[in-house]
Amino acid sequence: MEEIDTNNLGDIEGFRIGEYFVTFPPGEFVKEDEDGHIYVLVDIYKINKDNKATRMQNEHISDELHEQINEQINKFLVAKLDDLKKGD
């Protein structure tokens, strides 16, 4: 399993939700499915007590955490849209 040192989290773009750290993978991370729905790819790491964060597999992520991540991404998008509107 992929691990990152939590002492370096400040060098990685992402956000924290409880004991999880969520990052965006390199490259295109905003995708569109064949039905036209847009979604965002993320990498999710669980922060351990030994100052390491282990990348989680999707099947081990709870529905509640998925919902929290979606809510945070939506907050980021709304804030950015508000900033863009103010610039007009």
Protein backbone atom coordinates (compact mmCIF):
# COMPACT_ATOMS: atom_id res chain seq x y z
CA MET A 1 0.00 0.00 0.00
CA GLU A 2 1.14 3.49 -0.80
CA GLU A 3 2.13 5.59 2.21
CA ILE A 4 3.02 9.24 2.66
CA ASP A 5 4.67 10.92 5.64
CA THR A 6 2.14 13.17 7.40
CA ASN A 7 4.95 15.62 8.21
CA ASN A 8 4.94 16.48 4.48
CA LEU A 9 1.19 17.05 4.11
CA GLY A 10 1.76 20.78 3.91
CA ASP A 11 3.62 20.16 0.64
CA ILE A 12 0.69 18.25 -0.87
CA GLU A 13 -2.46 19.99 -2.11
CA GLY A 14 -5.51 18.53 -0.49
CA PHE A 15 -7.73 18.74 2.54
CA ARG A 16 -8.31 16.85 5.73
CA ILE A 17 -11.53 15.28 6.98
CA GLY A 18 -11.11 13.78 10.42
CA GLU A 19 -8.45 11.09 10.24
CA TYR A 20 -8.36 11.18 6.42
CA PHE A 21 -6.38 13.30 3.98
CA VAL A 22 -7.87 13.81 0.51
CA THR A 23 -5.73 14.79 -2.49
CA PHE A 24 -6.31 15.24 -6.18
CA PRO A 25 -4.27 12.98 -8.46
CA PRO A 26 -1.89 14.55 -10.98
CA GLY A 27 -3.29 15.49 -14.38
CA GLU A 28 -6.95 15.68 -15.26
CA PHE A 29 -8.95 14.89 -12.15
CA VAL A 30 -12.31 16.32 -13.28
CA LYS A 31 -14.04 13.74 -15.46
CA GLU A 32 -17.34 13.30 -17.26
CA ASP A 33 -19.13 9.97 -17.64
CA GLU A 34 -20.99 8.87 -20.76
CA ASP A 35 -24.27 10.22 -19.30
CA GLY A 36 -22.79 13.71 -18.95
CA HIS A 37 -22.33 13.60 -15.17
CA ILE A 38 -19.21 15.35 -13.94
CA TYR A 39 -17.16 13.91 -11.10
CA VAL A 40 -13.82 14.52 -9.40
CA LEU A 41 -11.14 11.89 -8.86
CA VAL A 42 -9.51 11.89 -5.44
CA ASP A 43 -6.92 9.88 -3.56
CA ILE A 44 -7.86 9.19 0.06
CA TYR A 45 -5.29 8.48 2.75
CA LYS A 46 -6.00 7.34 6.30
CA ILE A 47 -3.69 9.01 8.78
CA ASN A 48 -2.17 6.50 11.19
CA LYS A 49 -0.78 7.05 14.68
CA ASP A 50 2.79 6.53 13.42
CA ASN A 51 2.69 9.75 11.33
CA LYS A 52 2.09 7.85 8.13
CA ALA A 53 -0.90 8.08 5.85
CA THR A 54 -1.93 4.95 3.96
CA ARG A 55 -3.81 5.21 0.68
CA MET A 56 -7.26 3.69 0.99
CA GLN A 57 -8.95 1.53 -1.62
CA ASN A 58 -12.38 2.73 -2.73
CA GLU A 59 -14.15 -0.35 -1.39
CA HIS A 60 -12.89 0.50 2.11
CA ILE A 61 -14.32 4.04 2.10
CA SER A 62 -17.61 4.46 3.94
CA ASP A 63 -20.63 6.12 2.35
CA GLU A 64 -20.42 8.74 5.09
CA LEU A 65 -16.85 9.66 4.16
CA HIS A 66 -17.76 9.79 0.46
CA GLU A 67 -20.57 12.19 1.36
CA GLN A 68 -18.25 14.38 3.48
CA ILE A 69 -15.72 14.55 0.64
CA ASN A 70 -18.46 15.48 -1.86
CA GLU A 71 -19.73 18.21 0.47
CA GLN A 72 -16.24 19.69 0.85
CA ILE A 73 -15.56 19.66 -2.90
CA ASN A 74 -18.94 21.33 -3.49
CA LYS A 75 -18.01 24.03 -0.94
CA PHE A 76 -14.74 24.63 -2.80
CA LEU A 77 -16.58 24.91 -6.13
CA VAL A 78 -19.26 27.27 -4.80
CA ALA A 79 -16.61 29.48 -3.17
CA LYS A 80 -14.65 29.65 -6.43
CA LEU A 81 -17.79 30.47 -8.42
CA ASP A 82 -18.62 33.23 -5.93
CA ASP A 83 -15.10 34.63 -6.33
CA LEU A 84 -15.47 34.60 -10.12
CA LYS A 85 -18.84 36.37 -9.91
CA LYS A 86 -17.34 39.10 -7.73
CA GLY A 87 -14.65 39.64 -10.36
CA ASP A 88 -17.26 40.50 -13.05
